[in-house]
Amino acid sequence: MPDDARRITRERIRILFDLAQKEELKNPERAQRYIILARRLASRNRVHLPSNLKHLICPGCMFYMSPITSRTRIRQTREPHITITCLRCGHIIRIPLRSRIP
């Protein structure tokens, strides 16, 4: 796939995430539709979602996770990590804070 097509795909994905963020409060179903379209666009064009946008999607229910629909905590047990809990389905995402050195 040419680099221009990948760049355009990434721009469209970012636009869909921005639209989902704007519509989250007024119309959550429309925000959900934007997320589905962004994921489908990424898979069709073989483009990975950026990690900052990937953490905004709940892997359990595939809804957009805003500060209203999720809870974010910093945990110190074992390895320090960020815990994001979806308030719709209860799915938990853990993001390590320290990078692992091989």
Protein backbone atom coordinates (compact mmCIF):
# COMPACT_ATOMS: atom_id res chain seq x y z
CA MET A 1 0.00 0.00 0.00
CA PRO A 2 1.46 3.41 -0.92
CA ASP A 3 2.52 5.76 1.86
CA ASP A 4 -0.02 8.39 0.77
CA ALA A 5 -2.88 5.94 1.23
CA ARG A 6 -1.62 5.02 4.71
CA ARG A 7 -1.32 8.69 5.64
CA ILE A 8 -4.86 9.40 4.43
CA THR A 9 -6.18 6.38 6.33
CA ARG A 10 -4.51 7.56 9.56
CA GLU A 11 -5.98 11.04 9.08
CA ARG A 12 -9.47 9.61 8.58
CA ILE A 13 -9.11 7.42 11.67
CA ARG A 14 -8.07 10.45 13.74
CA ILE A 15 -11.06 12.43 12.38
CA LEU A 16 -13.44 9.60 13.32
CA PHE A 17 -12.03 9.48 16.85
CA ASP A 18 -12.44 13.26 17.16
CA LEU A 19 -16.05 12.95 16.03
CA ALA A 20 -16.63 10.13 18.53
CA GLN A 21 -15.27 12.32 21.31
CA LYS A 22 -17.61 15.18 20.37
CA GLU A 23 -20.66 12.91 20.12
CA GLU A 24 -20.01 10.86 23.29
CA LEU A 25 -22.27 12.94 25.55
CA LYS A 26 -25.04 13.79 23.11
CA ASN A 27 -25.35 10.57 21.16
CA PRO A 28 -23.35 7.55 22.43
CA GLU A 29 -24.69 5.28 19.67
CA ARG A 30 -23.25 7.59 17.02
CA ALA A 31 -19.91 7.67 18.86
CA GLN A 32 -19.97 3.87 18.86
CA ARG A 33 -20.59 3.89 15.10
CA TYR A 34 -17.59 6.18 14.52
CA ILE A 35 -15.37 3.80 16.49
CA ILE A 36 -16.60 0.82 14.47
CA LEU A 37 -15.92 2.70 11.23
CA ALA A 38 -12.41 3.66 12.37
CA ARG A 39 -11.55 0.07 13.32
CA ARG A 40 -12.94 -1.25 10.04
CA LEU A 41 -11.00 1.37 8.08
CA ALA A 42 -7.78 0.40 9.87
CA SER A 43 -8.27 -3.32 9.28
CA ARG A 44 -9.17 -2.95 5.61
CA ASN A 45 -6.14 -0.81 4.88
CA ARG A 46 -3.81 -2.80 7.16
CA VAL A 47 -2.96 0.17 9.34
CA HIS A 48 -2.43 -0.19 13.08
CA LEU A 49 -4.40 2.10 15.35
CA PRO A 50 -2.03 4.43 17.22
CA SER A 51 -1.57 3.31 20.83
CA ASN A 52 -3.00 6.54 22.23
CA LEU A 53 -6.22 5.95 20.27
CA LYS A 54 -6.21 2.20 20.85
CA HIS A 55 -6.45 2.77 24.61
CA LEU A 56 -9.65 4.77 24.04
CA ILE A 57 -11.53 1.67 22.87
CA CYS A 58 -12.75 -0.89 25.38
CA PRO A 59 -11.71 -4.36 24.18
CA GLY A 60 -14.69 -5.88 25.99
CA CYS A 61 -17.61 -3.91 24.56
CA MET A 62 -15.85 -1.90 21.78
CA PHE A 63 -17.26 1.40 23.10
CA TYR A 64 -15.43 4.71 23.20
CA MET A 65 -13.96 5.15 26.69
CA SER A 66 -14.16 8.77 27.78
CA PRO A 67 -13.44 10.03 31.32
CA ILE A 68 -17.18 9.73 31.93
CA THR A 69 -17.45 6.08 30.87
CA SER A 70 -14.17 4.86 32.38
CA ARG A 71 -12.15 5.04 35.57
CA THR A 72 -8.37 5.55 35.49
CA ARG A 73 -6.13 4.67 38.43
CA ILE A 74 -2.39 4.42 38.99
CA ARG A 75 -1.41 1.22 40.76
CA GLN A 76 1.86 0.59 42.61
CA THR A 77 1.44 -3.11 43.39
CA ARG A 78 4.05 -5.34 41.74
CA GLU A 79 4.99 -3.31 38.69
CA PRO A 80 3.64 0.26 38.58
CA HIS A 81 0.90 0.50 35.95
CA ILE A 82 -2.14 2.48 34.91
CA THR A 83 -5.46 0.67 35.25
CA ILE A 84 -8.35 1.78 33.05
CA THR A 85 -11.72 0.23 33.90
CA CYS A 86 -14.68 0.43 31.53
CA LEU A 87 -17.77 1.41 33.51
CA ARG A 88 -20.09 -0.16 30.91
CA CYS A 89 -18.78 -3.74 30.90
CA GLY A 90 -16.17 -3.78 33.67
CA HIS A 91 -13.25 -4.75 31.42
CA ILE A 92 -9.83 -3.75 32.78
CA ILE A 93 -6.87 -2.49 30.72
CA ARG A 94 -3.42 -2.37 32.32
CA ILE A 95 -0.68 -0.20 30.84
CA PRO A 96 2.82 -0.63 32.32
CA LEU A 97 4.57 2.58 33.36
CA ARG A 98 8.15 1.31 33.16
CA SER A 99 9.61 0.09 29.93
CA ARG A 100 11.14 -3.37 30.09
CA ILE A 101 14.83 -3.56 29.38
CA PRO A 102 15.87 -6.80 27.62
